[in-house]
């Protein structure tokens, strides 16, 4: 697992060299990719604040897939912006997701239900590990079991300063680098997600154009081994 984390860290900070500074924004996005089906686009923000976890669980009963565009900003402990990127998120329950980065570098994170792949299209290199090992010790692995959200999080409303409704999720698990997640809702949908980790870094995602239960091609969640790509296993 440690070597895989270091490889993900390389994806998150510099596409040309390895880094050993901990989990990067890309690794945190692997966590978020499984968290998002539990918290994205589940209807009225006011209803969520009033009804709490039950409202989320009711939403999940009818969620099969999701597509959304995103912009991502990563900040260090001094709140200095480290990275800005954009792309598209695809989710297919159960257990499949695809984070497709279009800028600044073309990179893809894919989970096909059994393995997680990190594909650097510029370097033509694919690193992969079993999904259970790649997500070990994170809320993502816990949430993959499909249990109710209150099993894994403490949820509470946050006082708003921007006209949106904000909700805080704090993981109940002790063996995770995720400290807290804040969700910012507009009139109907989730518009922003902020995640703080134990390394002092903050990742903010803003979502637009979300489509719930969109028809997604199964090919989105397949990683084909190209003749020119190096495949590195971290099992």
Protein backbone atom coordinates (compact mmCIF):
# COMPACT_ATOMS: atom_id res chain seq x y z
CA UNK A 1 0.00 0.00 0.00
CA UNK A 2 2.79 2.47 0.85
CA UNK A 3 4.40 2.21 -2.58
CA UNK A 4 1.03 2.68 -4.25
CA UNK A 5 0.42 5.81 -2.16
CA UNK A 6 3.78 7.20 -3.24
CA UNK A 7 2.91 6.55 -6.85
CA UNK A 8 -0.41 8.35 -6.47
CA UNK A 9 1.47 11.19 -4.84
CA UNK A 10 3.58 11.51 -7.96
CA UNK A 11 0.40 11.90 -10.02
CA UNK A 12 -0.89 14.58 -7.71
CA UNK A 13 2.14 16.87 -7.60
CA UNK A 14 4.36 16.33 -10.64
CA UNK A 15 3.77 14.05 -13.65
CA UNK A 16 7.47 13.44 -14.27
CA UNK A 17 8.91 12.21 -11.00
CA UNK A 18 8.11 10.31 -7.84
CA UNK A 19 7.40 12.06 -4.56
CA UNK A 20 7.31 10.75 -0.99
CA UNK A 21 5.39 13.50 0.78
CA UNK A 22 2.21 11.56 1.64
CA UNK A 23 -1.19 11.14 0.09
CA UNK A 24 -1.85 13.56 -2.75
CA UNK A 25 -5.00 15.15 -4.05
CA UNK A 26 -5.34 12.24 -6.50
CA UNK A 27 -5.43 9.71 -3.66
CA UNK A 28 -7.97 11.85 -1.83
CA UNK A 29 -10.06 11.80 -4.99
CA UNK A 30 -10.07 8.01 -4.94
CA UNK A 31 -11.66 8.36 -1.51
CA UNK A 32 -14.10 10.98 -2.75
CA UNK A 33 -15.08 8.91 -5.75
CA UNK A 34 -16.72 6.38 -3.47
CA UNK A 35 -18.00 9.01 -1.02
CA UNK A 36 -19.79 11.02 -3.66
CA UNK A 37 -22.63 8.57 -4.42
CA UNK A 38 -23.62 8.98 -0.77
CA UNK A 39 -23.72 12.77 -0.77
CA UNK A 40 -24.11 14.17 -4.28
CA UNK A 41 -27.41 15.50 -5.63
CA UNK A 42 -29.77 14.03 -3.06
CA UNK A 43 -32.34 16.78 -3.41
CA UNK A 44 -33.28 19.76 -1.25
CA UNK A 45 -30.54 21.02 1.05
CA UNK A 46 -33.15 22.26 3.53
CA UNK A 47 -34.69 18.80 3.64
CA UNK A 48 -31.29 17.30 4.35
CA UNK A 49 -30.62 19.62 7.27
CA UNK A 50 -34.01 18.72 8.76
CA UNK A 51 -34.05 15.01 8.09
CA UNK A 52 -30.35 14.22 8.28
CA UNK A 53 -29.00 10.83 7.35
CA UNK A 54 -32.40 9.33 6.50
CA UNK A 55 -32.74 11.76 3.60
CA UNK A 56 -29.41 10.56 2.20
CA UNK A 57 -30.37 6.92 2.58
CA UNK A 58 -33.68 7.54 0.79
CA UNK A 59 -31.81 9.17 -2.07
CA UNK A 60 -29.36 6.30 -2.39
CA UNK A 61 -32.20 3.84 -2.88
CA UNK A 62 -32.82 5.34 -6.33
CA UNK A 63 -29.27 6.24 -7.39
CA UNK A 64 -27.59 4.08 -10.02
CA UNK A 65 -25.21 6.45 -11.83
CA UNK A 66 -23.93 10.01 -11.97
CA UNK A 67 -22.06 12.30 -14.34
CA UNK A 68 -20.73 15.77 -13.42
CA UNK A 69 -18.10 18.26 -14.53
CA UNK A 70 -15.75 19.49 -11.81
CA UNK A 71 -13.00 21.95 -11.02
CA UNK A 72 -10.58 21.08 -8.24
CA UNK A 73 -8.35 23.26 -6.10
CA UNK A 74 -5.74 21.90 -3.68
CA UNK A 75 -4.27 24.01 -0.85
CA UNK A 76 -1.43 23.28 1.57
CA UNK A 77 -1.47 23.85 5.33
CA UNK A 78 -0.61 27.54 4.78
CA UNK A 79 -3.68 27.84 2.51
CA UNK A 80 -1.47 28.43 -0.52
CA UNK A 81 -2.98 27.05 -3.72
CA UNK A 82 -0.85 24.12 -4.90
CA UNK A 83 -2.82 22.91 -7.90
CA UNK A 84 -5.85 23.64 -10.04
CA UNK A 85 -7.42 21.10 -12.38
CA UNK A 86 -10.63 20.35 -14.27
CA UNK A 87 -12.38 17.33 -15.67
CA UNK A 88 -15.38 15.03 -15.59
CA UNK A 89 -16.57 12.54 -12.99
CA UNK A 90 -18.49 9.34 -13.81
CA UNK A 91 -19.99 7.02 -11.18
CA UNK A 92 -21.75 3.69 -11.65
CA UNK A 93 -23.01 1.81 -8.63
CA UNK A 94 -21.85 -0.48 -7.28
CA UNK A 95 -18.13 0.17 -7.00
CA UNK A 96 -17.21 1.75 -10.34
CA UNK A 97 -15.98 5.27 -11.00
CA UNK A 98 -13.88 7.35 -13.37
CA UNK A 99 -12.16 10.68 -12.67
CA UNK A 100 -11.09 12.07 -16.04
CA UNK A 101 -8.73 15.07 -15.87
CA UNK A 102 -8.54 17.30 -18.93
CA UNK A 103 -6.29 20.04 -17.48
CA UNK A 104 -3.52 20.69 -16.64
CA UNK A 105 -2.42 17.11 -17.45
CA UNK A 106 -4.43 14.32 -19.04
CA UNK A 107 -4.81 11.71 -16.30
CA UNK A 108 -7.51 9.19 -15.41
CA UNK A 109 -8.42 7.30 -12.23
CA UNK A 110 -10.61 4.25 -12.87
CA UNK A 111 -12.17 1.69 -10.52
CA UNK A 112 -13.77 -1.27 -12.26
CA UNK A 113 -15.16 -2.92 -9.14
CA UNK A 114 -12.07 -4.99 -8.41
CA UNK A 115 -9.04 -2.79 -9.15
CA UNK A 116 -8.09 0.90 -9.09
CA UNK A 117 -6.01 2.21 -12.01
CA UNK A 118 -4.02 5.45 -12.20
CA UNK A 119 -3.32 6.24 -15.85
CA UNK A 120 -0.87 8.96 -16.90
CA UNK A 121 -1.70 9.44 -20.58
CA UNK A 122 1.34 11.63 -21.22
CA UNK A 123 3.81 9.13 -19.79
CA UNK A 124 1.81 6.17 -21.14
CA UNK A 125 2.01 4.53 -17.73
CA UNK A 126 -0.67 2.71 -15.73
CA UNK A 127 -0.30 1.86 -12.04
CA UNK A 128 -2.87 -0.38 -10.40
CA UNK A 129 -3.82 -2.17 -7.20
CA UNK A 130 -6.74 -4.19 -5.89
CA UNK A 131 -9.62 -1.91 -4.97
CA UNK A 132 -9.82 -3.23 -1.41
CA UNK A 133 -6.11 -2.58 -0.79
CA UNK A 134 -6.06 0.80 -2.52
CA UNK A 135 -8.94 2.03 -0.36
CA UNK A 136 -7.84 0.28 2.82
CA UNK A 137 -8.18 2.43 5.92
CA UNK A 138 -10.34 5.06 4.21
CA UNK A 139 -14.03 5.91 4.51
CA UNK A 140 -14.31 4.88 0.87
CA UNK A 141 -13.81 1.22 1.73
CA UNK A 142 -16.30 1.41 4.58
CA UNK A 143 -18.92 3.11 2.44
CA UNK A 144 -18.53 0.59 -0.34
CA UNK A 145 -20.51 -1.87 1.77
CA UNK A 146 -23.68 0.13 1.09
CA UNK A 147 -24.54 0.62 4.75
CA UNK A 148 -26.48 3.65 6.04
CA UNK A 149 -24.53 6.91 6.15
CA UNK A 150 -25.00 7.31 9.92
CA UNK A 151 -22.96 4.14 10.33
CA UNK A 152 -19.91 6.00 9.06
CA UNK A 153 -20.42 9.74 9.66
CA UNK A 154 -21.59 12.30 12.16
CA UNK A 155 -23.59 14.87 10.15
CA UNK A 156 -24.43 18.40 11.29
CA UNK A 157 -25.45 21.71 9.63
CA UNK A 158 -22.93 24.59 9.45
CA UNK A 159 -23.78 28.28 9.69
CA UNK A 160 -23.78 29.74 6.18
CA UNK A 161 -22.03 32.94 5.13
CA UNK A 162 -22.67 32.73 1.37
CA UNK A 163 -26.39 32.04 1.07
CA UNK A 164 -25.92 28.32 0.56
CA UNK A 165 -26.74 25.50 2.96
CA UNK A 166 -23.65 23.82 4.41
CA UNK A 167 -23.42 20.40 6.06
CA UNK A 168 -20.41 18.88 7.82
CA UNK A 169 -19.57 15.16 7.76
CA UNK A 170 -17.03 13.80 10.26
CA UNK A 171 -15.90 10.18 9.75
CA UNK A 172 -16.48 7.87 12.70
CA UNK A 173 -13.55 5.70 11.60
CA UNK A 174 -10.29 6.35 13.45
CA UNK A 175 -7.92 4.89 10.83
CA UNK A 176 -8.48 7.49 8.11
CA UNK A 177 -6.61 10.57 6.89
CA UNK A 178 -9.90 12.38 6.21
CA UNK A 179 -10.71 14.73 9.10
CA UNK A 180 -13.87 16.38 7.85
CA UNK A 181 -15.95 17.02 4.74
CA UNK A 182 -18.08 20.11 4.12
CA UNK A 183 -20.90 20.08 1.58
CA UNK A 184 -22.26 23.33 0.10
CA UNK A 185 -25.73 23.15 -1.46
CA UNK A 186 -27.51 25.59 -3.75
CA UNK A 187 -31.26 25.50 -4.31
CA UNK A 188 -31.38 21.88 -5.44
CA UNK A 189 -27.95 20.33 -5.84
CA UNK A 190 -24.53 19.99 -4.29
CA UNK A 191 -22.33 22.79 -5.65
CA UNK A 192 -19.13 22.49 -3.59
CA UNK A 193 -17.29 19.88 -1.55
CA UNK A 194 -14.37 20.66 0.76
CA UNK A 195 -12.24 17.94 2.36
CA UNK A 196 -9.54 18.46 4.99
CA UNK A 197 -6.96 15.77 5.76
CA UNK A 198 -4.54 14.98 8.56
CA UNK A 199 -1.61 16.38 6.53
CA UNK A 200 -3.10 19.87 6.69
CA UNK A 201 -4.09 19.90 3.02
CA UNK A 202 -7.50 20.97 1.76
CA UNK A 203 -9.16 19.85 -1.47
CA UNK A 204 -12.11 21.83 -2.83
CA UNK A 205 -14.31 20.61 -5.68
CA UNK A 206 -16.98 22.65 -7.46
CA UNK A 207 -19.55 20.70 -9.52
CA UNK A 208 -21.58 21.77 -12.54
CA UNK A 209 -23.85 20.08 -15.07
CA UNK A 210 -24.60 17.07 -12.86
CA UNK A 211 -26.80 14.32 -14.34
CA UNK A 212 -28.28 11.77 -11.96
CA UNK A 213 -28.92 8.24 -13.28
CA UNK A 214 -27.33 9.10 -16.62
CA UNK A 215 -26.83 6.29 -19.13
CA UNK A 216 -23.10 5.55 -19.03
CA UNK A 217 -21.12 3.29 -21.33
CA UNK A 218 -19.53 0.28 -19.56
CA UNK A 219 -16.34 1.11 -21.46
CA UNK A 220 -15.83 4.15 -19.23
CA UNK A 221 -14.89 1.82 -16.38
CA UNK A 222 -12.53 -0.46 -18.30
CA UNK A 223 -8.76 -0.10 -18.43
CA UNK A 224 -7.43 -1.66 -21.61
CA UNK A 225 -3.74 -2.53 -21.61
CA UNK A 226 -2.35 -0.61 -24.59
CA UNK A 227 0.71 -1.84 -26.42
CA UNK A 228 2.58 1.39 -25.63
CA UNK A 229 1.61 1.66 -21.96
CA UNK A 230 3.68 0.35 -19.03
CA UNK A 231 1.59 -1.46 -16.41
CA UNK A 232 2.89 -1.38 -12.83
CA UNK A 233 1.20 -3.51 -10.17
CA UNK A 234 1.39 -2.58 -6.48
CA UNK A 235 -0.25 -5.70 -5.00
